[in-house]
Amino acid sequence: MLDNKIKMLGSRSRDELPTFTDTFGPFFNNEAYSDVVVVLHSKDDAEDAMRVPSHRILLCAQSPMLRKMVDDSLARAASTGSAEVPEVHIAGVDPWIGQTVLRTLYTQDASHLVDDVHAMMLERFGDAMTTGAVDERAIAEMGFVLRVLAASRRLGIKALEIACYRSVQAATNDTTVARILAAAVRDGDEWLTNKSIDFMAGMSEGASWRRGAPPVDPRRRFQ
């Protein structure tokens, strides 16, 4: 029986096989088999905390920082004899941003970035989002992506970094570049700072920005 199933799977084309998203996506923010809870909050004592049931193997396999946080949480639980599901607290990250970052660990796909941007803007700005100037919306959306980029750099999720850098590169223009530079300086992103300065200096009308590869491994399959 098992041999037949293996042969059947082997005969399928690559497009017919389940994707990473197909397999793990349904478990995002799902208590089924969850063995850790990630608690996201903007500040240490914030009331906007968001609890996200998660799975240690997916967090630890893709983020060295999350792996250390999970290990520390498990060590604390062991020392106290607690039988509660361990918690990992990530402070200083907007829950919307943190949720977006965590979702990519379950999908290996950044396409949801756009949906998350619009959901966040609708939640916070309501009808003003659909009636505001196009440039204003573009700047707001860029701000969201830049904050996702900062969070992914902080947590060491290289695959998400490259997706955010590509999004920023594609959307850089005379209207957004000043905001991008300010965010890059604020977040200590040297590569993005230098590229923004190059763009503003008008080097080859921004061509050097478009050609410059992000400071992460482009061979990663995550797009």
N, C-alpha and C. Protein backbone atom coordinates (compact mmCIF):
# COMPACT_ATOMS: atom_id res chain seq x y z
N MET A 1 0.84 -1.20 0.00
CA MET A 1 0.00 0.00 0.00
C MET A 1 0.87 1.26 0.00
N LEU A 2 1.86 1.29 0.94
CA LEU A 2 2.73 2.46 1.02
C LEU A 2 3.57 2.60 -0.24
N ASP A 3 4.07 1.47 -0.77
CA ASP A 3 4.88 1.52 -1.98
C ASP A 3 4.09 2.10 -3.13
N ASN A 4 2.82 1.72 -3.24
CA ASN A 4 1.97 2.24 -4.31
C ASN A 4 1.77 3.75 -4.17
N LYS A 5 1.61 4.20 -2.92
CA LYS A 5 1.41 5.63 -2.70
C LYS A 5 2.67 6.41 -3.07
N ILE A 6 3.83 5.86 -2.73
CA ILE A 6 5.10 6.52 -3.07
C ILE A 6 5.25 6.60 -4.59
N LYS A 7 4.90 5.53 -5.29
CA LYS A 7 4.99 5.53 -6.75
C LYS A 7 4.04 6.56 -7.35
N MET A 8 2.85 6.67 -6.75
CA MET A 8 1.86 7.62 -7.25
C MET A 8 2.37 9.06 -7.08
N LEU A 9 2.96 9.36 -5.92
CA LEU A 9 3.49 10.69 -5.68
C LEU A 9 4.66 10.98 -6.61
N GLY A 10 5.48 9.96 -6.83
CA GLY A 10 6.63 10.15 -7.71
C GLY A 10 6.26 10.40 -9.15
N SER A 11 5.07 9.95 -9.55
CA SER A 11 4.65 10.13 -10.93
C SER A 11 4.03 11.50 -11.19
N ARG A 12 3.74 12.25 -10.12
CA ARG A 12 3.13 13.56 -10.30
C ARG A 12 4.15 14.57 -10.80
N SER A 13 3.65 15.55 -11.54
CA SER A 13 4.53 16.65 -11.94
C SER A 13 4.77 17.53 -10.74
N ARG A 14 5.79 18.37 -10.83
CA ARG A 14 6.13 19.24 -9.70
C ARG A 14 4.97 20.16 -9.34
N ASP A 15 4.24 20.62 -10.34
CA ASP A 15 3.14 21.55 -10.10
C ASP A 15 1.98 20.90 -9.34
N GLU A 16 1.90 19.57 -9.40
CA GLU A 16 0.80 18.88 -8.75
C GLU A 16 1.10 18.56 -7.29
N LEU A 17 2.36 18.64 -6.89
CA LEU A 17 2.73 18.32 -5.51
C LEU A 17 2.33 19.46 -4.57
N PRO A 18 2.00 19.13 -3.33
CA PRO A 18 1.63 20.17 -2.36
C PRO A 18 2.78 21.16 -2.16
N THR A 19 2.46 22.44 -2.08
CA THR A 19 3.48 23.45 -1.85
C THR A 19 3.69 23.61 -0.34
N PHE A 20 4.69 24.37 0.01
CA PHE A 20 4.95 24.68 1.42
C PHE A 20 3.72 25.32 2.04
N THR A 21 3.12 26.25 1.29
CA THR A 21 1.92 26.95 1.78
C THR A 21 0.76 25.97 1.97
N ASP A 22 0.59 25.07 1.02
CA ASP A 22 -0.48 24.07 1.13
C ASP A 22 -0.33 23.24 2.40
N THR A 23 0.91 22.89 2.70
CA THR A 23 1.17 21.99 3.82
C THR A 23 1.09 22.69 5.18
N PHE A 24 1.75 23.84 5.29
CA PHE A 24 1.87 24.48 6.60
C PHE A 24 0.99 25.72 6.79
N GLY A 25 0.54 26.31 5.70
CA GLY A 25 -0.28 27.52 5.80
C GLY A 25 -1.47 27.39 6.72
N PRO A 26 -2.23 26.29 6.65
CA PRO A 26 -3.42 26.15 7.50
C PRO A 26 -3.12 26.15 9.00
N PHE A 27 -1.87 25.92 9.38
CA PHE A 27 -1.53 25.86 10.80
C PHE A 27 -1.18 27.23 11.38
N PHE A 28 -1.10 28.27 10.52
CA PHE A 28 -0.78 29.60 11.04
C PHE A 28 -1.89 30.10 11.95
N ASN A 29 -1.50 30.60 13.12
CA ASN A 29 -2.46 31.13 14.10
C ASN A 29 -3.55 30.11 14.41
N ASN A 30 -3.11 28.87 14.53
CA ASN A 30 -4.03 27.74 14.74
C ASN A 30 -3.55 26.95 15.96
N GLU A 31 -4.42 26.69 16.88
CA GLU A 31 -4.03 25.99 18.11
C GLU A 31 -3.76 24.50 17.89
N ALA A 32 -4.15 23.99 16.73
CA ALA A 32 -3.91 22.57 16.46
C ALA A 32 -2.41 22.26 16.48
N TYR A 33 -2.01 21.37 17.38
CA TYR A 33 -0.62 20.94 17.53
C TYR A 33 0.32 22.08 17.93
N SER A 34 -0.22 23.22 18.32
CA SER A 34 0.62 24.34 18.74
C SER A 34 1.38 23.98 20.01
N ASP A 35 2.69 24.34 20.05
CA ASP A 35 3.49 24.03 21.24
C ASP A 35 4.23 25.26 21.76
N VAL A 36 3.83 26.45 21.30
CA VAL A 36 4.38 27.71 21.80
C VAL A 36 3.41 28.82 21.42
N VAL A 37 3.36 29.86 22.22
CA VAL A 37 2.53 31.02 21.91
C VAL A 37 3.44 32.23 21.77
N VAL A 38 3.35 32.90 20.63
CA VAL A 38 4.10 34.14 20.42
C VAL A 38 3.20 35.30 20.82
N VAL A 39 3.70 36.12 21.73
CA VAL A 39 2.94 37.28 22.22
C VAL A 39 3.58 38.53 21.63
N LEU A 40 2.81 39.23 20.81
CA LEU A 40 3.30 40.43 20.13
C LEU A 40 2.72 41.67 20.80
N HIS A 41 3.57 42.64 21.10
CA HIS A 41 3.06 43.90 21.65
C HIS A 41 4.04 45.02 21.34
N SER A 42 3.49 46.21 21.15
CA SER A 42 4.30 47.36 20.76
C SER A 42 5.28 47.77 21.85
N LYS A 43 4.86 47.67 23.11
CA LYS A 43 5.70 48.03 24.23
C LYS A 43 5.60 46.94 25.29
N ASP A 44 6.54 46.97 26.24
CA ASP A 44 6.56 45.93 27.27
C ASP A 44 5.25 45.83 28.05
N ASP A 45 4.62 46.98 28.29
CA ASP A 45 3.40 46.97 29.09
C ASP A 45 2.17 47.33 28.27
N ALA A 46 2.26 47.14 26.95
CA ALA A 46 1.17 47.55 26.06
C ALA A 46 -0.06 46.68 26.27
N GLU A 47 -1.21 47.30 26.04
CA GLU A 47 -2.46 46.56 26.15
C GLU A 47 -2.89 45.99 24.80
N ASP A 48 -2.11 46.24 23.77
CA ASP A 48 -2.49 45.79 22.43
C ASP A 48 -1.90 44.42 22.09
N ALA A 49 -1.52 43.68 23.13
CA ALA A 49 -0.86 42.39 22.90
C ALA A 49 -1.72 41.46 22.07
N MET A 50 -1.07 40.76 21.15
CA MET A 50 -1.73 39.77 20.31
C MET A 50 -1.06 38.42 20.55
N ARG A 51 -1.84 37.42 20.86
CA ARG A 51 -1.33 36.08 21.12
C ARG A 51 -1.52 35.22 19.87
N VAL A 52 -0.42 34.64 19.39
CA VAL A 52 -0.46 33.85 18.17
C VAL A 52 0.01 32.42 18.47
N PRO A 53 -0.91 31.45 18.49
CA PRO A 53 -0.49 30.05 18.66
C PRO A 53 0.46 29.65 17.53
N SER A 54 1.59 29.07 17.89
CA SER A 54 2.61 28.79 16.88
C SER A 54 3.23 27.42 17.10
N HIS A 55 4.19 27.10 16.25
CA HIS A 55 4.79 25.77 16.25
C HIS A 55 6.31 25.92 16.25
N ARG A 56 6.94 25.40 17.26
CA ARG A 56 8.36 25.65 17.49
C ARG A 56 9.23 25.28 16.29
N ILE A 57 8.94 24.17 15.65
CA ILE A 57 9.81 23.70 14.58
C ILE A 57 9.89 24.71 13.44
N LEU A 58 8.76 25.36 13.11
CA LEU A 58 8.76 26.32 12.01
C LEU A 58 9.44 27.62 12.41
N LEU A 59 9.26 28.04 13.65
CA LEU A 59 9.91 29.26 14.12
C LEU A 59 11.41 29.07 14.22
N CYS A 60 11.82 27.98 14.87
CA CYS A 60 13.24 27.76 15.13
C CYS A 60 14.04 27.45 13.87
N ALA A 61 13.40 26.80 12.91
CA ALA A 61 14.11 26.41 11.68
C ALA A 61 14.43 27.61 10.80
N GLN A 62 13.70 28.71 10.98
CA GLN A 62 13.85 29.82 10.03
C GLN A 62 14.35 31.12 10.66
N SER A 63 14.48 31.16 11.97
CA SER A 63 14.93 32.38 12.62
C SER A 63 15.83 32.05 13.81
N PRO A 64 17.12 32.39 13.72
CA PRO A 64 18.03 32.16 14.85
C PRO A 64 17.57 32.90 16.11
N MET A 65 17.04 34.10 15.94
CA MET A 65 16.58 34.88 17.09
C MET A 65 15.39 34.21 17.77
N LEU A 66 14.42 33.75 16.96
CA LEU A 66 13.27 33.07 17.54
C LEU A 66 13.69 31.75 18.18
N ARG A 67 14.68 31.08 17.60
CA ARG A 67 15.16 29.83 18.19
C ARG A 67 15.71 30.08 19.59
N LYS A 68 16.48 31.16 19.74
CA LYS A 68 17.03 31.48 21.06
C LYS A 68 15.92 31.84 22.04
N MET A 69 14.93 32.59 21.57
CA MET A 69 13.83 32.99 22.45
C MET A 69 13.02 31.77 22.88
N VAL A 70 12.81 30.83 21.97
CA VAL A 70 12.08 29.61 22.31
C VAL A 70 12.89 28.78 23.31
N ASP A 71 14.20 28.64 23.07
CA ASP A 71 15.05 27.88 24.00
C ASP A 71 15.02 28.49 25.40
N ASP A 72 15.09 29.83 25.47
CA ASP A 72 15.05 30.51 26.77
C ASP A 72 13.72 30.27 27.47
N SER A 73 12.64 30.30 26.69
CA SER A 73 11.31 30.09 27.27
C SER A 73 11.17 28.67 27.80
N LEU A 74 11.68 27.71 27.06
CA LEU A 74 11.63 26.32 27.50
C LEU A 74 12.47 26.10 28.76
N ALA A 75 13.61 26.78 28.80
CA ALA A 75 14.48 26.65 29.97
C ALA A 75 13.80 27.22 31.21
N ARG A 76 13.12 28.35 31.07
CA ARG A 76 12.41 28.93 32.20
C ARG A 76 11.29 28.01 32.68
N ALA A 77 10.57 27.43 31.71
CA ALA A 77 9.47 26.52 32.07
C ALA A 77 10.00 25.28 32.81
N ALA A 78 11.14 24.78 32.35
CA ALA A 78 11.73 23.59 32.98
C ALA A 78 12.19 23.90 34.40
N SER A 79 12.73 25.10 34.59
CA SER A 79 13.26 25.47 35.91
C SER A 79 12.15 25.66 36.94
N THR A 80 10.96 26.04 36.47
CA THR A 80 9.84 26.27 37.39
C THR A 80 8.88 25.08 37.46
N GLY A 81 9.11 24.10 36.57
CA GLY A 81 8.23 22.95 36.53
C GLY A 81 6.86 23.26 35.95
N SER A 82 6.78 24.34 35.18
CA SER A 82 5.50 24.74 34.61
C SER A 82 5.08 23.81 33.49
N ALA A 83 3.78 23.47 33.49
CA ALA A 83 3.24 22.61 32.44
C ALA A 83 2.50 23.42 31.38
N GLU A 84 2.53 24.76 31.53
CA GLU A 84 1.85 25.64 30.58
C GLU A 84 2.60 25.66 29.25
N VAL A 85 1.86 25.96 28.19
CA VAL A 85 2.50 26.12 26.88
C VAL A 85 3.44 27.32 26.97
N PRO A 86 4.72 27.15 26.61
CA PRO A 86 5.67 28.25 26.73
C PRO A 86 5.29 29.44 25.86
N GLU A 87 5.66 30.63 26.33
CA GLU A 87 5.37 31.85 25.60
C GLU A 87 6.66 32.53 25.18
N VAL A 88 6.62 33.13 24.00
CA VAL A 88 7.73 33.94 23.50
C VAL A 88 7.18 35.35 23.31
N HIS A 89 7.75 36.31 24.04
CA HIS A 89 7.28 37.69 23.97
C HIS A 89 8.18 38.50 23.05
N ILE A 90 7.57 39.14 22.07
CA ILE A 90 8.30 40.02 21.16
C ILE A 90 7.76 41.43 21.36
N ALA A 91 8.51 42.23 22.10
CA ALA A 91 8.09 43.59 22.40
C ALA A 91 8.67 44.56 21.37
N GLY A 92 8.01 45.71 21.25
CA GLY A 92 8.50 46.72 20.33
C GLY A 92 8.16 46.45 18.88
N VAL A 93 7.25 45.54 18.65
CA VAL A 93 6.80 45.21 17.29
C VAL A 93 5.29 45.35 17.23
N ASP A 94 4.79 46.18 16.35
CA ASP A 94 3.35 46.32 16.18
C ASP A 94 2.76 44.95 15.89
N PRO A 95 1.68 44.57 16.59
CA PRO A 95 1.09 43.24 16.37
C PRO A 95 0.76 42.96 14.91
N TRP A 96 0.30 43.96 14.16
CA TRP A 96 0.02 43.74 12.74
C TRP A 96 1.30 43.34 12.01
N ILE A 97 2.39 44.04 12.33
CA ILE A 97 3.67 43.76 11.67
C ILE A 97 4.15 42.37 12.07
N GLY A 98 4.10 42.08 13.36
CA GLY A 98 4.55 40.78 13.83
C GLY A 98 3.77 39.63 13.23
N GLN A 99 2.46 39.82 13.09
CA GLN A 99 1.62 38.77 12.52
C GLN A 99 2.00 38.52 11.06
N THR A 100 2.29 39.59 10.34
CA THR A 100 2.71 39.44 8.95
C THR A 100 4.02 38.67 8.84
N VAL A 101 4.95 38.99 9.73
CA VAL A 101 6.24 38.30 9.73
C VAL A 101 6.05 36.82 10.05
N LEU A 102 5.26 36.52 11.06
CA LEU A 102 5.05 35.12 11.44
C LEU A 102 4.37 34.33 10.33
N ARG A 103 3.44 34.96 9.63
CA ARG A 103 2.71 34.24 8.57
C ARG A 103 3.66 33.74 7.49
N THR A 104 4.70 34.50 7.19
CA THR A 104 5.62 34.07 6.14
C THR A 104 6.37 32.80 6.52
N LEU A 105 6.51 32.54 7.82
CA LEU A 105 7.18 31.32 8.25
C LEU A 105 6.33 30.09 7.96
N TYR A 106 5.06 30.29 7.74
CA TYR A 106 4.14 29.19 7.44
C TYR A 106 3.81 29.09 5.96
N THR A 107 4.23 30.07 5.18
CA THR A 107 3.86 30.07 3.76
C THR A 107 5.04 30.13 2.81
N GLN A 108 6.20 30.67 3.30
CA GLN A 108 7.33 30.89 2.40
C GLN A 108 6.88 31.69 1.17
N ASP A 109 5.99 32.62 1.39
CA ASP A 109 5.39 33.38 0.29
C ASP A 109 5.10 34.79 0.78
N ALA A 110 5.59 35.79 0.07
CA ALA A 110 5.39 37.17 0.50
C ALA A 110 4.21 37.83 -0.18
N SER A 111 3.45 37.09 -0.97
CA SER A 111 2.34 37.71 -1.69
C SER A 111 1.28 38.27 -0.76
N HIS A 112 1.21 37.74 0.48
CA HIS A 112 0.21 38.24 1.42
C HIS A 112 0.57 39.62 1.96
N LEU A 113 1.78 40.11 1.68
CA LEU A 113 2.16 41.44 2.15
C LEU A 113 1.17 42.50 1.70
N VAL A 114 0.77 42.42 0.43
CA VAL A 114 -0.16 43.41 -0.11
C VAL A 114 -1.49 43.34 0.61
N ASP A 115 -2.00 42.13 0.82
CA ASP A 115 -3.28 41.98 1.53
C ASP A 115 -3.18 42.50 2.96
N ASP A 116 -2.06 42.23 3.61
CA ASP A 116 -1.88 42.70 4.98
C ASP A 116 -1.82 44.22 5.05
N VAL A 117 -1.16 44.83 4.07
CA VAL A 117 -1.08 46.29 4.02
C VAL A 117 -2.47 46.90 3.95
N HIS A 118 -3.29 46.38 3.03
CA HIS A 118 -4.63 46.94 2.86
C HIS A 118 -5.52 46.67 4.07
N ALA A 119 -5.37 45.49 4.67
CA ALA A 119 -6.16 45.17 5.86
C ALA A 119 -5.81 46.12 7.00
N MET A 120 -4.51 46.36 7.19
CA MET A 120 -4.08 47.26 8.25
C MET A 120 -4.59 48.67 8.03
N MET A 121 -4.52 49.14 6.77
CA MET A 121 -4.94 50.50 6.47
C MET A 121 -6.45 50.67 6.62
N LEU A 122 -7.20 49.67 6.25
CA LEU A 122 -8.65 49.72 6.43
C LEU A 122 -9.02 49.74 7.91
N GLU A 123 -8.27 48.95 8.69
CA GLU A 123 -8.53 48.87 10.13
C GLU A 123 -8.25 50.22 10.80
N ARG A 124 -7.18 50.87 10.37
CA ARG A 124 -6.74 52.07 11.07
C ARG A 124 -7.28 53.37 10.48
N PHE A 125 -7.51 53.38 9.17
CA PHE A 125 -7.92 54.63 8.54
C PHE A 125 -9.32 54.59 7.95
N GLY A 126 -9.92 53.39 7.86
CA GLY A 126 -11.29 53.27 7.37
C GLY A 126 -11.47 53.84 5.98
N ASP A 127 -12.57 54.58 5.80
CA ASP A 127 -12.90 55.12 4.48
C ASP A 127 -11.85 56.10 3.98
N ALA A 128 -11.10 56.70 4.89
CA ALA A 128 -10.09 57.68 4.46
C ALA A 128 -9.07 57.05 3.53
N MET A 129 -8.88 55.73 3.67
CA MET A 129 -7.91 55.06 2.82
C MET A 129 -8.34 55.09 1.35
N THR A 130 -9.64 54.94 1.10
CA THR A 130 -10.12 54.86 -0.27
C THR A 130 -10.34 56.24 -0.89
N THR A 131 -10.37 57.28 -0.04
CA THR A 131 -10.61 58.62 -0.57
C THR A 131 -9.36 59.48 -0.59
N GLY A 132 -8.30 59.04 0.09
CA GLY A 132 -7.08 59.84 0.14
C GLY A 132 -6.35 59.84 -1.18
N ALA A 133 -5.38 60.75 -1.26
CA ALA A 133 -4.58 60.87 -2.48
C ALA A 133 -3.77 59.59 -2.70
N VAL A 134 -3.54 59.28 -3.97
CA VAL A 134 -2.79 58.07 -4.31
C VAL A 134 -1.41 58.10 -3.68
N ASP A 135 -0.73 59.27 -3.75
CA ASP A 135 0.61 59.37 -3.18
C ASP A 135 0.61 59.12 -1.69
N GLU A 136 -0.41 59.61 -0.99
CA GLU A 136 -0.50 59.41 0.45
C GLU A 136 -0.67 57.92 0.78
N ARG A 137 -1.49 57.23 0.01
CA ARG A 137 -1.68 55.80 0.25
C ARG A 137 -0.40 55.04 -0.04
N ALA A 138 0.29 55.44 -1.11
CA ALA A 138 1.54 54.76 -1.46
C ALA A 138 2.58 54.92 -0.35
N ILE A 139 2.64 56.10 0.24
CA ILE A 139 3.59 56.34 1.33
C ILE A 139 3.22 55.51 2.55
N ALA A 140 1.91 55.44 2.85
CA ALA A 140 1.46 54.65 3.99
C ALA A 140 1.79 53.18 3.79
N GLU A 141 1.56 52.67 2.59
CA GLU A 141 1.86 51.28 2.29
C GLU A 141 3.36 51.02 2.38
N MET A 142 4.15 51.98 1.88
CA MET A 142 5.60 51.82 1.95
C MET A 142 6.05 51.79 3.40
N GLY A 143 5.43 52.59 4.24
CA GLY A 143 5.78 52.60 5.66
C GLY A 143 5.56 51.24 6.30
N PHE A 144 4.48 50.57 5.92
CA PHE A 144 4.18 49.24 6.44
C PHE A 144 5.26 48.26 6.02
N VAL A 145 5.61 48.26 4.74
CA VAL A 145 6.61 47.32 4.23
C VAL A 145 7.96 47.58 4.91
N LEU A 146 8.30 48.84 5.12
CA LEU A 146 9.57 49.16 5.78
C LEU A 146 9.60 48.65 7.21
N ARG A 147 8.47 48.68 7.88
CA ARG A 147 8.41 48.18 9.25
C ARG A 147 8.48 46.65 9.28
N VAL A 148 7.90 46.01 8.27
CA VAL A 148 8.05 44.56 8.15
C VAL A 148 9.52 44.22 7.90
N LEU A 149 10.17 45.01 7.05
CA LEU A 149 11.59 44.80 6.77
C LEU A 149 12.41 44.91 8.05
N ALA A 150 12.15 45.95 8.85
CA ALA A 150 12.90 46.13 10.10
C ALA A 150 12.69 44.95 11.04
N ALA A 151 11.45 44.46 11.13
CA ALA A 151 11.16 43.33 12.02
C ALA A 151 11.84 42.06 11.53
N SER A 152 11.85 41.85 10.22
CA SER A 152 12.49 40.64 9.67
C SER A 152 13.99 40.68 9.88
N ARG A 153 14.59 41.87 9.79
CA ARG A 153 16.03 42.00 10.06
C ARG A 153 16.32 41.74 11.53
N ARG A 154 15.47 42.27 12.38
CA ARG A 154 15.65 42.08 13.83
C ARG A 154 15.57 40.61 14.21
N LEU A 155 14.66 39.87 13.59
CA LEU A 155 14.47 38.46 13.93
C LEU A 155 15.35 37.54 13.09
N GLY A 156 16.09 38.10 12.15
CA GLY A 156 17.00 37.29 11.35
C GLY A 156 16.32 36.39 10.34
N ILE A 157 15.17 36.85 9.81
CA ILE A 157 14.45 36.06 8.81
C ILE A 157 14.88 36.55 7.43
N LYS A 158 15.95 36.00 6.93
CA LYS A 158 16.58 36.49 5.70
C LYS A 158 15.65 36.40 4.50
N ALA A 159 14.87 35.35 4.44
CA ALA A 159 13.99 35.17 3.28
C ALA A 159 12.99 36.31 3.15
N LEU A 160 12.46 36.76 4.27
CA LEU A 160 11.50 37.87 4.24
C LEU A 160 12.20 39.18 3.93
N GLU A 161 13.42 39.33 4.36
CA GLU A 161 14.18 40.53 4.05
C GLU A 161 14.23 40.76 2.54
N ILE A 162 14.58 39.72 1.80
CA ILE A 162 14.76 39.89 0.37
C ILE A 162 13.45 40.27 -0.31
N ALA A 163 12.33 39.73 0.17
CA ALA A 163 11.03 40.09 -0.39
C ALA A 163 10.72 41.55 -0.13
N CYS A 164 11.01 42.02 1.08
CA CYS A 164 10.76 43.43 1.41
C CYS A 164 11.67 44.36 0.62
N TYR A 165 12.93 44.00 0.50
CA TYR A 165 13.85 44.84 -0.27
C TYR A 165 13.38 44.97 -1.72
N ARG A 166 12.93 43.88 -2.28
CA ARG A 166 12.44 43.92 -3.67
C ARG A 166 11.21 44.83 -3.78
N SER A 167 10.33 44.75 -2.79
CA SER A 167 9.13 45.59 -2.80
C SER A 167 9.52 47.06 -2.71
N VAL A 168 10.48 47.37 -1.85
CA VAL A 168 10.93 48.75 -1.68
C VAL A 168 11.60 49.25 -2.95
N GLN A 169 12.44 48.42 -3.54
CA GLN A 169 13.11 48.82 -4.78
C GLN A 169 12.10 49.16 -5.87
N ALA A 170 11.08 48.31 -6.00
CA ALA A 170 10.10 48.50 -7.07
C ALA A 170 9.27 49.77 -6.86
N ALA A 171 9.10 50.19 -5.62
CA ALA A 171 8.21 51.32 -5.33
C ALA A 171 8.96 52.62 -5.07
N THR A 172 10.28 52.61 -5.20
CA THR A 172 11.05 53.83 -4.93
C THR A 172 10.86 54.85 -6.04
N ASN A 173 10.51 56.06 -5.65
CA ASN A 173 10.38 57.17 -6.60
C ASN A 173 10.63 58.47 -5.85
N ASP A 174 10.46 59.59 -6.54
CA ASP A 174 10.74 60.89 -5.93
C ASP A 174 9.85 61.16 -4.72
N THR A 175 8.67 60.55 -4.68
CA THR A 175 7.74 60.78 -3.58
C THR A 175 8.09 59.96 -2.34
N THR A 176 8.57 58.74 -2.53
CA THR A 176 8.79 57.83 -1.41
C THR A 176 10.22 57.76 -0.89
N VAL A 177 11.19 58.21 -1.68
CA VAL A 177 12.59 57.96 -1.32
C VAL A 177 12.99 58.65 -0.01
N ALA A 178 12.46 59.84 0.27
CA ALA A 178 12.83 60.52 1.52
C ALA A 178 12.35 59.72 2.73
N ARG A 179 11.14 59.17 2.66
CA ARG A 179 10.63 58.35 3.76
C ARG A 179 11.46 57.08 3.90
N ILE A 180 11.87 56.51 2.79
CA ILE A 180 12.67 55.29 2.83
C ILE A 180 14.01 55.57 3.50
N LEU A 181 14.63 56.69 3.14
CA LEU A 181 15.92 57.05 3.74
C LEU A 181 15.77 57.26 5.24
N ALA A 182 14.73 57.97 5.66
CA ALA A 182 14.51 58.22 7.09
C ALA A 182 14.34 56.91 7.85
N ALA A 183 13.57 55.98 7.27
CA ALA A 183 13.36 54.69 7.92
C ALA A 183 14.65 53.88 7.98
N ALA A 184 15.44 53.94 6.90
CA ALA A 184 16.69 53.19 6.86
C ALA A 184 17.67 53.69 7.92
N VAL A 185 17.75 55.01 8.07
CA VAL A 185 18.64 55.58 9.10
C VAL A 185 18.13 55.21 10.49
N ARG A 186 16.82 55.31 10.71
CA ARG A 186 16.22 54.97 12.00
C ARG A 186 16.49 53.53 12.38
N ASP A 187 16.41 52.62 11.40
CA ASP A 187 16.54 51.19 11.67
C ASP A 187 17.98 50.68 11.54
N GLY A 188 18.92 51.58 11.23
CA GLY A 188 20.30 51.17 11.11
C GLY A 188 20.58 50.27 9.92
N ASP A 189 19.82 50.46 8.84
CA ASP A 189 19.98 49.65 7.64
C ASP A 189 20.95 50.35 6.70
N GLU A 190 22.22 49.97 6.77
CA GLU A 190 23.26 50.65 6.01
C GLU A 190 23.07 50.51 4.50
N TRP A 191 22.72 49.31 4.05
CA TRP A 191 22.56 49.10 2.61
C TRP A 191 21.43 49.97 2.06
N LEU A 192 20.30 49.98 2.73
CA LEU A 192 19.16 50.75 2.26
C LEU A 192 19.45 52.25 2.36
N THR A 193 20.19 52.66 3.37
CA THR A 193 20.57 54.07 3.50
C THR A 193 21.41 54.51 2.31
N ASN A 194 22.43 53.72 1.98
CA ASN A 194 23.31 54.08 0.87
C ASN A 194 22.57 54.09 -0.46
N LYS A 195 21.68 53.12 -0.67
CA LYS A 195 20.94 53.07 -1.92
C LYS A 195 19.98 54.26 -2.04
N SER A 196 19.39 54.67 -0.93
CA SER A 196 18.48 55.81 -0.96
C SER A 196 19.24 57.09 -1.27
N ILE A 197 20.42 57.23 -0.69
CA ILE A 197 21.25 58.41 -0.96
C ILE A 197 21.67 58.43 -2.42
N ASP A 198 22.04 57.27 -2.96
CA ASP A 198 22.40 57.18 -4.38
C ASP A 198 21.24 57.64 -5.26
N PHE A 199 20.05 57.18 -4.92
CA PHE A 199 18.87 57.53 -5.71
C PHE A 199 18.63 59.04 -5.66
N MET A 200 18.72 59.62 -4.47
CA MET A 200 18.46 61.04 -4.30
C MET A 200 19.53 61.89 -4.98
N ALA A 201 20.72 61.35 -5.06
CA ALA A 201 21.80 62.07 -5.74
C ALA A 201 21.65 62.03 -7.25
N GLY A 202 20.71 61.24 -7.72
CA GLY A 202 20.45 61.17 -9.15
C GLY A 202 21.49 60.42 -9.94
N MET A 203 22.18 59.45 -9.31
CA MET A 203 23.20 58.70 -10.02
C MET A 203 22.55 57.83 -11.09
N SER A 204 22.80 58.16 -12.34
CA SER A 204 22.22 57.44 -13.47
C SER A 204 20.70 57.37 -13.36
N GLU A 205 20.10 58.43 -12.82
CA GLU A 205 18.65 58.52 -12.67
C GLU A 205 18.08 57.34 -11.89
N GLY A 206 18.86 56.90 -10.89
CA GLY A 206 18.38 55.82 -10.03
C GLY A 206 18.70 54.43 -10.53
N ALA A 207 19.41 54.33 -11.65
CA ALA A 207 19.67 53.00 -12.21
C ALA A 207 20.50 52.14 -11.26
N SER A 208 21.42 52.77 -10.50
CA SER A 208 22.26 51.98 -9.60
C SER A 208 21.41 51.33 -8.51
N TRP A 209 20.35 52.01 -8.10
CA TRP A 209 19.43 51.45 -7.10
C TRP A 209 18.76 50.20 -7.65
N ARG A 210 18.30 50.30 -8.89
CA ARG A 210 17.57 49.17 -9.47
C ARG A 210 18.48 47.96 -9.64
N ARG A 211 19.77 48.21 -9.94
CA ARG A 211 20.66 47.09 -10.21
C ARG A 211 21.19 46.45 -8.94
N GLY A 212 21.27 47.23 -7.86
CA GLY A 212 21.92 46.73 -6.66
C GLY A 212 21.15 45.61 -6.00
N ALA A 213 21.81 44.49 -5.77
CA ALA A 213 21.15 43.35 -5.13
C ALA A 213 21.04 43.58 -3.63
N PRO A 214 19.94 43.18 -3.00
CA PRO A 214 19.81 43.30 -1.56
C PRO A 214 20.90 42.50 -0.85
N PRO A 215 21.25 42.88 0.38
CA PRO A 215 22.33 42.22 1.10
C PRO A 215 21.91 40.90 1.74
N VAL A 216 21.22 40.08 0.98
CA VAL A 216 20.85 38.74 1.43
C VAL A 216 21.03 37.80 0.26
N ASP A 217 21.02 36.53 0.54
CA ASP A 217 21.29 35.53 -0.49
C ASP A 217 20.13 35.44 -1.48
N PRO A 218 20.30 35.87 -2.73
CA PRO A 218 19.20 35.85 -3.70
C PRO A 218 18.86 34.45 -4.20
N ARG A 219 19.67 33.46 -3.80
CA ARG A 219 19.40 32.11 -4.27
C ARG A 219 18.31 31.41 -3.46
N ARG A 220 17.91 32.04 -2.33
CA ARG A 220 16.85 31.46 -1.53
C ARG A 220 15.58 31.36 -2.37
N ARG A 221 14.84 30.26 -2.21
CA ARG A 221 13.67 30.05 -3.08
C ARG A 221 12.51 30.94 -2.70
N PHE A 222 12.56 31.51 -1.50
CA PHE A 222 11.47 32.39 -1.06
C PHE A 222 11.43 33.63 -1.95
N GLN A 223 10.27 33.94 -2.49
CA GLN A 223 10.13 35.09 -3.38
C GLN A 223 9.25 36.14 -2.74
